[in-house]
Amino acid sequence: GKQWYQRRVRGDDDLSSSDAEHEARVPKKILKCKSVAREINFSSELEMKRFRLEQRVYFKGECLEEWFFEFGYVIPGSTNTWQNVIEAAASDQMIPSSVLNGNVVIENAFFDGNDEISRSKVRLFYV
Protein backbone atom coordinates (compact mmCIF):
# COMPACT_ATOMS: atom_id res chain seq x y z
CA GLY A 1 0.00 0.00 0.00
CA LYS A 2 0.84 3.67 0.18
CA GLN A 3 3.28 5.14 2.65
CA TRP A 4 1.52 8.10 4.28
CA TYR A 5 3.76 8.76 7.22
CA GLN A 6 7.41 8.20 7.99
CA ARG A 7 9.28 9.34 11.04
CA ARG A 8 13.05 9.18 10.98
CA VAL A 9 15.00 10.08 14.06
CA ARG A 10 18.02 12.26 13.37
CA GLY A 11 20.44 14.31 15.42
CA ASP A 12 18.96 15.60 18.66
CA ASP A 13 15.46 14.26 17.89
CA ASP A 14 15.88 11.30 20.25
CA LEU A 15 12.47 9.67 20.82
CA SER A 16 13.97 7.34 23.42
CA SER A 17 14.56 10.32 25.72
CA SER A 18 12.20 9.92 28.67
CA ASP A 19 12.71 13.44 30.05
CA ALA A 20 10.21 15.00 27.63
CA GLU A 21 6.94 14.20 25.94
CA HIS A 22 7.52 14.18 22.19
CA GLU A 23 5.04 15.18 19.47
CA ALA A 24 4.19 13.57 16.13
CA ARG A 25 1.98 14.90 13.36
CA VAL A 26 0.25 12.11 11.50
CA PRO A 27 -2.07 12.35 8.47
CA LYS A 28 -5.65 11.83 9.70
CA LYS A 29 -6.39 9.59 6.70
CA ILE A 30 -4.28 6.92 8.43
CA LEU A 31 -7.32 6.29 10.66
CA LYS A 32 -9.22 5.02 7.62
CA CYS A 33 -6.65 2.28 6.89
CA LYS A 34 -7.59 -1.34 7.59
CA SER A 35 -4.08 -1.98 8.87
CA VAL A 36 -0.88 -0.05 9.56
CA ALA A 37 2.62 -1.44 9.05
CA ARG A 38 5.42 -0.30 11.28
CA GLU A 39 9.16 -0.72 10.97
CA ILE A 40 11.65 -0.06 13.75
CA ASN A 41 15.37 -0.02 12.99
CA PHE A 42 17.76 -0.30 15.91
CA SER A 43 21.37 -1.08 16.73
CA SER A 44 22.81 -2.65 19.84
CA GLU A 45 26.39 -2.90 21.00
CA LEU A 46 25.33 -5.41 23.66
CA GLU A 47 23.74 -8.83 23.53
CA MET A 48 20.08 -8.88 24.52
CA LYS A 49 18.50 -12.23 25.30
CA ARG A 50 14.86 -11.16 25.29
CA PHE A 51 14.33 -7.79 23.61
CA ARG A 52 10.70 -6.72 23.78
CA LEU A 53 8.38 -3.74 23.54
CA GLU A 54 5.39 -2.82 25.68
CA GLN A 55 3.23 -0.19 24.04
CA ARG A 56 0.29 1.56 25.66
CA VAL A 57 -2.11 3.95 23.96
CA TYR A 58 -3.69 6.56 26.25
CA PHE A 59 -6.67 8.75 25.46
CA LYS A 60 -7.06 11.68 27.84
CA GLY A 61 -4.88 9.81 30.35
CA GLU A 62 -6.87 6.54 30.23
CA CYS A 63 -5.26 3.42 28.75
CA LEU A 64 -7.29 2.32 25.71
CA GLU A 65 -4.98 -0.34 24.30
CA GLU A 66 -1.95 -2.36 25.33
CA TRP A 67 0.33 -4.16 22.90
CA PHE A 68 3.15 -6.55 23.77
CA PHE A 69 5.77 -7.42 21.14
CA GLU A 70 8.63 -9.91 21.48
CA PHE A 71 11.69 -9.45 19.28
CA GLY A 72 13.82 -12.04 21.05
CA TYR A 73 17.58 -12.47 20.86
CA VAL A 74 19.74 -9.55 19.65
CA ILE A 75 23.28 -10.24 18.46
CA PRO A 76 25.89 -7.88 19.98
CA GLY A 77 27.15 -5.25 17.54
CA SER A 78 24.19 -5.76 15.20
CA THR A 79 21.74 -3.53 13.38
CA ASN A 80 18.23 -4.91 13.11
CA THR A 81 14.86 -4.25 11.53
CA TRP A 82 11.61 -5.12 13.26
CA GLN A 83 8.41 -5.04 11.22
CA ASN A 84 4.83 -5.63 12.27
CA VAL A 85 1.31 -4.96 11.06
CA ILE A 86 -1.43 -3.67 13.35
CA GLU A 87 -5.02 -4.34 12.30
CA ALA A 88 -7.52 -1.51 12.80
CA ALA A 89 -10.78 -1.80 14.66
CA ALA A 90 -14.01 -1.85 12.65
CA SER A 91 -14.84 1.55 11.14
CA ASP A 92 -17.87 1.97 13.43
CA GLN A 93 -15.55 1.59 16.45
CA MET A 94 -13.04 4.23 15.36
CA ILE A 95 -12.89 7.55 17.21
CA PRO A 96 -12.88 10.59 14.86
CA SER A 97 -9.56 12.38 14.33
CA SER A 98 -11.07 15.64 15.63
CA VAL A 99 -11.65 13.96 19.02
CA LEU A 100 -8.30 12.12 19.08
CA ASN A 101 -6.23 15.15 18.00
CA GLY A 102 -3.78 16.05 20.79
CA ASN A 103 -5.52 13.68 23.24
CA VAL A 104 -3.64 10.48 22.35
CA VAL A 105 -0.29 9.60 23.90
CA ILE A 106 1.62 6.48 22.90
CA GLU A 107 4.03 5.18 25.52
CA ASN A 108 6.76 2.80 24.35
CA ALA A 109 8.86 0.88 26.84
CA PHE A 110 11.71 -1.33 25.60
CA PHE A 111 13.07 -4.16 27.75
CA ASP A 112 15.65 -6.90 27.78
CA GLY A 113 13.72 -9.47 29.78
CA ASN A 114 12.51 -7.49 32.82
CA ASP A 115 15.25 -4.84 32.61
CA GLU A 116 13.93 -1.56 31.19
CA ILE A 117 16.16 -0.09 28.48
CA SER A 118 14.15 3.03 27.61
CA ARG A 119 10.70 4.56 27.85
CA SER A 120 9.23 7.37 25.80
CA LYS A 121 5.92 9.13 25.23
CA VAL A 122 4.68 10.64 21.98
CA ARG A 123 1.55 12.82 21.75
CA LEU A 124 -0.26 12.47 18.41
CA PHE A 125 -1.72 15.29 16.37
CA TYR A 126 -3.78 14.35 13.31
CA VAL A 127 -3.31 16.76 10.39
C-alpha atoms as a PDB file:
ATOM      1  CA  GLY A   1       0.000   0.000   0.000  1.00  0.00           C
ATOM      2  CA  LYS A   2       0.843   3.669   0.180  1.00  0.00           C
ATOM      3  CA  GLN A   3       3.281   5.139   2.648  1.00  0.00           C
ATOM      4  CA  TRP A   4       1.524   8.101   4.276  1.00  0.00           C
ATOM      5  CA  TYR A   5       3.761   8.761   7.221  1.00  0.00           C
ATOM      6  CA  GLN A   6       7.406   8.195   7.990  1.00  0.00           C
ATOM      7  CA  ARG A   7       9.282   9.336  11.044  1.00  0.00           C
ATOM      8  CA  ARG A   8      13.052   9.182  10.984  1.00  0.00           C
ATOM      9  CA  VAL A   9      15.004  10.076  14.062  1.00  0.00           C
ATOM     10  CA  ARG A  10      18.023  12.261  13.369  1.00  0.00           C
ATOM     11  CA  GLY A  11      20.442  14.312  15.419  1.00  0.00           C
ATOM     12  CA  ASP A  12      18.964  15.602  18.662  1.00  0.00           C
ATOM     13  CA  ASP A  13      15.463  14.259  17.894  1.00  0.00           C
ATOM     14  CA  ASP A  14      15.875  11.296  20.251  1.00  0.00           C
ATOM     15  CA  LEU A  15      12.475   9.667  20.816  1.00  0.00           C
ATOM     16  CA  SER A  16      13.968   7.343  23.423  1.00  0.00           C
ATOM     17  CA  SER A  17      14.555  10.316  25.717  1.00  0.00           C
ATOM     18  CA  SER A  18      12.198   9.925  28.674  1.00  0.00           C
ATOM     19  CA  ASP A  19      12.713  13.435  30.053  1.00  0.00           C
ATOM     20  CA  ALA A  20      10.214  15.001  27.633  1.00  0.00           C
ATOM     21  CA  GLU A  21       6.937  14.201  25.940  1.00  0.00           C
ATOM     22  CA  HIS A  22       7.515  14.177  22.186  1.00  0.00           C
ATOM     23  CA  GLU A  23       5.037  15.182  19.466  1.00  0.00           C
ATOM     24  CA  ALA A  24       4.193  13.575  16.126  1.00  0.00           C
ATOM     25  CA  ARG A  25       1.979  14.904  13.361  1.00  0.00           C
ATOM     26  CA  VAL A  26       0.250  12.109  11.502  1.00  0.00           C
ATOM     27  CA  PRO A  27      -2.070  12.353   8.473  1.00  0.00           C
ATOM     28  CA  LYS A  28      -5.651  11.832   9.698  1.00  0.00           C
ATOM     29  CA  LYS A  29      -6.393   9.592   6.702  1.00  0.00           C
ATOM     30  CA  ILE A  30      -4.279   6.916   8.433  1.00  0.00           C
ATOM     31  CA  LEU A  31      -7.320   6.288  10.664  1.00  0.00           C
ATOM     32  CA  LYS A  32      -9.220   5.018   7.618  1.00  0.00           C
ATOM     33  CA  CYS A  33      -6.650   2.284   6.891  1.00  0.00           C
ATOM     34  CA  LYS A  34      -7.591  -1.337   7.590  1.00  0.00           C
ATOM     35  CA  SER A  35      -4.076  -1.983   8.866  1.00  0.00           C
ATOM     36  CA  VAL A  36      -0.880  -0.053   9.559  1.00  0.00           C
ATOM     37  CA  ALA A  37       2.616  -1.436   9.046  1.00  0.00           C
ATOM     38  CA  ARG A  38       5.425  -0.299  11.282  1.00  0.00           C
ATOM     39  CA  GLU A  39       9.161  -0.722  10.970  1.00  0.00           C
ATOM     40  CA  ILE A  40      11.646  -0.056  13.751  1.00  0.00           C
ATOM     41  CA  ASN A  41      15.373  -0.017  12.994  1.00  0.00           C
ATOM     42  CA  PHE A  42      17.759  -0.302  15.915  1.00  0.00           C
ATOM     43  CA  SER A  43      21.371  -1.082  16.732  1.00  0.00           C
ATOM     44  CA  SER A  44      22.808  -2.655  19.836  1.00  0.00           C
ATOM     45  CA  GLU A  45      26.387  -2.897  21.002  1.00  0.00           C
ATOM     46  CA  LEU A  46      25.331  -5.407  23.665  1.00  0.00           C
ATOM     47  CA  GLU A  47      23.735  -8.830  23.525  1.00  0.00           C
ATOM     48  CA  MET A  48      20.082  -8.881  24.523  1.00  0.00           C
ATOM     49  CA  LYS A  49      18.505 -12.231  25.297  1.00  0.00           C
ATOM     50  CA  ARG A  50      14.857 -11.159  25.290  1.00  0.00           C
ATOM     51  CA  PHE A  51      14.328  -7.791  23.615  1.00  0.00           C
ATOM     52  CA  ARG A  52      10.697  -6.722  23.780  1.00  0.00           C
ATOM     53  CA  LEU A  53       8.376  -3.742  23.545  1.00  0.00           C
ATOM     54  CA  GLU A  54       5.387  -2.822  25.683  1.00  0.00           C
ATOM     55  CA  GLN A  55       3.229  -0.193  24.040  1.00  0.00           C
ATOM     56  CA  ARG A  56       0.288   1.559  25.655  1.00  0.00           C
ATOM     57  CA  VAL A  57      -2.111   3.952  23.961  1.00  0.00           C
ATOM     58  CA  TYR A  58      -3.685   6.564  26.246  1.00  0.00           C
ATOM     59  CA  PHE A  59      -6.674   8.752  25.455  1.00  0.00           C
ATOM     60  CA  LYS A  60      -7.061  11.685  27.842  1.00  0.00           C
ATOM     61  CA  GLY A  61      -4.882   9.806  30.348  1.00  0.00           C
ATOM     62  CA  GLU A  62      -6.867   6.538  30.234  1.00  0.00           C
ATOM     63  CA  CYS A  63      -5.256   3.422  28.754  1.00  0.00           C
ATOM     64  CA  LEU A  64      -7.291   2.320  25.713  1.00  0.00           C
ATOM     65  CA  GLU A  65      -4.981  -0.340  24.298  1.00  0.00           C
ATOM     66  CA  GLU A  66      -1.951  -2.363  25.329  1.00  0.00           C
ATOM     67  CA  TRP A  67       0.332  -4.157  22.898  1.00  0.00           C
ATOM     68  CA  PHE A  68       3.150  -6.551  23.770  1.00  0.00           C
ATOM     69  CA  PHE A  69       5.766  -7.421  21.145  1.00  0.00           C
ATOM     70  CA  GLU A  70       8.633  -9.909  21.484  1.00  0.00           C
ATOM     71  CA  PHE A  71      11.686  -9.455  19.282  1.00  0.00           C
ATOM     72  CA  GLY A  72      13.816 -12.045  21.049  1.00  0.00           C
ATOM     73  CA  TYR A  73      17.577 -12.466  20.860  1.00  0.00           C
ATOM     74  CA  VAL A  74      19.735  -9.551  19.648  1.00  0.00           C
ATOM     75  CA  ILE A  75      23.282 -10.245  18.456  1.00  0.00           C
ATOM     76  CA  PRO A  76      25.892  -7.883  19.983  1.00  0.00           C
ATOM     77  CA  GLY A  77      27.145  -5.246  17.541  1.00  0.00           C
ATOM     78  CA  SER A  78      24.193  -5.757  15.201  1.00  0.00           C
ATOM     79  CA  THR A  79      21.737  -3.527  13.375  1.00  0.00           C
ATOM     80  CA  ASN A  80      18.231  -4.912  13.110  1.00  0.00           C
ATOM     81  CA  THR A  81      14.865  -4.246  11.533  1.00  0.00           C
ATOM     82  CA  TRP A  82      11.613  -5.124  13.256  1.00  0.00           C
ATOM     83  CA  GLN A  83       8.412  -5.045  11.218  1.00  0.00           C
ATOM     84  CA  ASN A  84       4.829  -5.634  12.272  1.00  0.00           C
ATOM     85  CA  VAL A  85       1.315  -4.957  11.058  1.00  0.00           C
ATOM     86  CA  ILE A  86      -1.425  -3.673  13.348  1.00  0.00           C
ATOM     87  CA  GLU A  87      -5.024  -4.338  12.300  1.00  0.00           C
ATOM     88  CA  ALA A  88      -7.518  -1.508  12.798  1.00  0.00           C
ATOM     89  CA  ALA A  89     -10.783  -1.797  14.657  1.00  0.00           C
ATOM     90  CA  ALA A  90     -14.013  -1.845  12.650  1.00  0.00           C
ATOM     91  CA  SER A  91     -14.839   1.552  11.137  1.00  0.00           C
ATOM     92  CA  ASP A  92     -17.869   1.968  13.433  1.00  0.00           C
ATOM     93  CA  GLN A  93     -15.554   1.589  16.448  1.00  0.00           C
ATOM     94  CA  MET A  94     -13.041   4.228  15.358  1.00  0.00           C
ATOM     95  CA  ILE A  95     -12.891   7.548  17.209  1.00  0.00           C
ATOM     96  CA  PRO A  96     -12.880  10.586  14.857  1.00  0.00           C
ATOM     97  CA  SER A  97      -9.561  12.378  14.329  1.00  0.00           C
ATOM     98  CA  SER A  98     -11.072  15.637  15.634  1.00  0.00           C
ATOM     99  CA  VAL A  99     -11.649  13.955  19.024  1.00  0.00           C
ATOM    100  CA  LEU A 100      -8.300  12.125  19.076  1.00  0.00           C
ATOM    101  CA  ASN A 101      -6.226  15.146  17.997  1.00  0.00           C
ATOM    102  CA  GLY A 102      -3.780  16.047  20.790  1.00  0.00           C
ATOM    103  CA  ASN A 103      -5.517  13.680  23.236  1.00  0.00           C
ATOM    104  CA  VAL A 104      -3.642  10.482  22.351  1.00  0.00           C
ATOM    105  CA  VAL A 105      -0.286   9.596  23.904  1.00  0.00           C
ATOM    106  CA  ILE A 106       1.623   6.479  22.898  1.00  0.00           C
ATOM    107  CA  GLU A 107       4.026   5.180  25.519  1.00  0.00           C
ATOM    108  CA  ASN A 108       6.760   2.801  24.351  1.00  0.00           C
ATOM    109  CA  ALA A 109       8.857   0.877  26.843  1.00  0.00           C
ATOM    110  CA  PHE A 110      11.713  -1.332  25.599  1.00  0.00           C
ATOM    111  CA  PHE A 111      13.071  -4.159  27.746  1.00  0.00           C
ATOM    112  CA  ASP A 112      15.649  -6.896  27.783  1.00  0.00           C
ATOM    113  CA  GLY A 113      13.718  -9.466  29.783  1.00  0.00           C
ATOM    114  CA  ASN A 114      12.510  -7.495  32.824  1.00  0.00           C
ATOM    115  CA  ASP A 115      15.250  -4.835  32.612  1.00  0.00           C
ATOM    116  CA  GLU A 116      13.928  -1.563  31.190  1.00  0.00           C
ATOM    117  CA  ILE A 117      16.156  -0.085  28.479  1.00  0.00           C
ATOM    118  CA  SER A 118      14.153   3.026  27.609  1.00  0.00           C
ATOM    119  CA  ARG A 119      10.698   4.562  27.853  1.00  0.00           C
ATOM    120  CA  SER A 120       9.234   7.374  25.801  1.00  0.00           C
ATOM    121  CA  LYS A 121       5.923   9.126  25.233  1.00  0.00           C
ATOM    122  CA  VAL A 122       4.679  10.636  21.981  1.00  0.00           C
ATOM    123  CA  ARG A 123       1.551  12.819  21.746  1.00  0.00           C
ATOM    124  CA  LEU A 124      -0.257  12.468  18.408  1.00  0.00           C
ATOM    125  CA  PHE A 125      -1.716  15.287  16.374  1.00  0.00           C
ATOM    126  CA  TYR A 126      -3.779  14.351  13.306  1.00  0.00           C
ATOM    127  CA  VAL A 127      -3.312  16.761  10.389  1.00  0.00           C
END
